[in-house]
């Protein structure tokens, strides 16, 4: 998280996520969805 302390990096990350850069982000989203759904149910 230390890398995202600066606004510039945060903005850059947001823009990359918006553009949908790479399947890694999709994988991460799927994992997060699974996690949150599992957590919510449990």
N, C-alpha and C. Protein backbone atom coordinates (compact mmCIF):
# COMPACT_ATOMS: atom_id res chain seq x y z
N UNK A 1 0.83 -1.21 0.00
CA UNK A 1 0.00 0.00 0.00
C UNK A 1 0.87 1.26 0.00
N UNK A 2 2.13 1.11 0.38
CA UNK A 2 3.00 2.29 0.44
C UNK A 2 3.12 2.92 -0.94
N UNK A 3 3.07 2.08 -1.99
CA UNK A 3 3.22 2.62 -3.34
C UNK A 3 2.04 3.50 -3.74
N UNK A 4 0.89 3.27 -3.15
CA UNK A 4 -0.30 4.01 -3.54
C UNK A 4 -0.52 5.24 -2.67
N UNK A 5 0.46 5.56 -1.85
CA UNK A 5 0.29 6.71 -0.97
C UNK A 5 0.26 8.00 -1.77
N UNK A 6 0.93 8.02 -2.94
CA UNK A 6 0.96 9.26 -3.71
C UNK A 6 -0.23 9.34 -4.65
N UNK A 7 -0.77 10.54 -4.78
CA UNK A 7 -2.00 10.72 -5.59
C UNK A 7 -1.76 10.31 -7.04
N UNK A 8 -0.63 10.66 -7.58
CA UNK A 8 -0.34 10.35 -8.98
C UNK A 8 -0.46 8.85 -9.24
N UNK A 9 0.13 8.03 -8.37
CA UNK A 9 0.07 6.58 -8.56
C UNK A 9 -1.37 6.11 -8.46
N UNK A 10 -2.10 6.66 -7.49
CA UNK A 10 -3.50 6.24 -7.33
C UNK A 10 -4.28 6.56 -8.59
N UNK A 11 -4.12 7.76 -9.11
CA UNK A 11 -4.83 8.15 -10.32
C UNK A 11 -4.45 7.24 -11.48
N UNK A 12 -3.17 6.97 -11.58
CA UNK A 12 -2.71 6.14 -12.69
C UNK A 12 -3.34 4.75 -12.58
N UNK A 13 -3.36 4.22 -11.37
CA UNK A 13 -3.95 2.91 -11.14
C UNK A 13 -5.43 2.92 -11.52
N UNK A 14 -6.15 3.97 -11.12
CA UNK A 14 -7.58 4.07 -11.43
C UNK A 14 -7.78 4.07 -12.94
N UNK A 15 -6.99 4.88 -13.65
CA UNK A 15 -7.16 4.97 -15.10
C UNK A 15 -6.87 3.61 -15.73
N UNK A 16 -5.84 2.92 -15.24
CA UNK A 16 -5.51 1.61 -15.80
C UNK A 16 -6.67 0.65 -15.56
N UNK A 17 -7.21 0.67 -14.36
CA UNK A 17 -8.32 -0.22 -14.05
C UNK A 17 -9.52 0.10 -14.93
N UNK A 18 -9.75 1.40 -15.14
CA UNK A 18 -10.89 1.79 -15.98
C UNK A 18 -10.71 1.27 -17.39
N UNK A 19 -9.49 1.39 -17.91
CA UNK A 19 -9.23 0.93 -19.27
C UNK A 19 -9.33 -0.60 -19.35
N UNK A 20 -9.17 -1.25 -18.22
CA UNK A 20 -9.22 -2.71 -18.23
C UNK A 20 -7.92 -3.28 -18.73
N UNK A 21 -6.83 -2.95 -18.07
CA UNK A 21 -5.51 -3.37 -18.56
C UNK A 21 -5.20 -4.79 -18.12
N UNK A 22 -5.35 -5.74 -19.03
CA UNK A 22 -4.86 -7.09 -18.78
C UNK A 22 -5.87 -8.01 -18.10
N UNK A 23 -5.63 -9.33 -18.21
CA UNK A 23 -6.52 -10.31 -17.57
C UNK A 23 -6.25 -10.43 -16.08
N UNK A 24 -5.11 -9.89 -15.63
CA UNK A 24 -4.81 -9.97 -14.20
C UNK A 24 -5.90 -9.25 -13.40
N UNK A 25 -6.34 -8.09 -13.93
CA UNK A 25 -7.36 -7.33 -13.22
C UNK A 25 -8.65 -8.16 -13.19
N UNK A 26 -8.98 -8.79 -14.30
CA UNK A 26 -10.20 -9.61 -14.33
C UNK A 26 -10.10 -10.72 -13.30
N UNK A 27 -8.94 -11.36 -13.27
CA UNK A 27 -8.74 -12.44 -12.31
C UNK A 27 -8.94 -11.92 -10.89
N UNK A 28 -8.33 -10.76 -10.62
CA UNK A 28 -8.45 -10.17 -9.29
C UNK A 28 -9.89 -9.86 -8.96
N UNK A 29 -10.62 -9.32 -9.93
CA UNK A 29 -12.03 -8.98 -9.68
C UNK A 29 -12.82 -10.25 -9.37
N UNK A 30 -12.59 -11.29 -10.14
CA UNK A 30 -13.32 -12.54 -9.92
C UNK A 30 -13.02 -13.07 -8.52
N UNK A 31 -11.75 -13.02 -8.13
CA UNK A 31 -11.37 -13.51 -6.80
C UNK A 31 -12.05 -12.66 -5.73
N UNK A 32 -12.06 -11.35 -5.94
CA UNK A 32 -12.67 -10.46 -4.95
C UNK A 32 -14.17 -10.74 -4.85
N UNK A 33 -14.82 -10.96 -6.00
CA UNK A 33 -16.25 -11.25 -5.99
C UNK A 33 -16.52 -12.52 -5.22
N UNK A 34 -15.72 -13.54 -5.50
CA UNK A 34 -15.89 -14.82 -4.81
C UNK A 34 -15.72 -14.61 -3.31
N UNK A 35 -14.69 -13.87 -2.97
CA UNK A 35 -14.39 -13.65 -1.55
C UNK A 35 -15.56 -12.92 -0.88
N UNK A 36 -16.00 -11.82 -1.49
CA UNK A 36 -17.02 -11.02 -0.83
C UNK A 36 -18.33 -11.81 -0.76
N UNK A 37 -18.65 -12.57 -1.80
CA UNK A 37 -19.90 -13.34 -1.76
C UNK A 37 -19.80 -14.40 -0.66
N UNK A 38 -18.64 -15.06 -0.58
CA UNK A 38 -18.46 -16.08 0.46
C UNK A 38 -18.53 -15.46 1.85
N UNK A 39 -17.88 -14.30 1.99
CA UNK A 39 -17.89 -13.63 3.29
C UNK A 39 -19.30 -13.21 3.67
N UNK A 40 -20.03 -12.67 2.69
CA UNK A 40 -21.39 -12.22 2.97
C UNK A 40 -22.27 -13.37 3.40
N UNK A 41 -22.14 -14.50 2.72
CA UNK A 41 -22.98 -15.65 3.06
C UNK A 41 -22.61 -16.18 4.43
N UNK A 42 -21.29 -16.27 4.66
CA UNK A 42 -20.84 -16.79 5.96
C UNK A 42 -20.99 -15.70 7.00
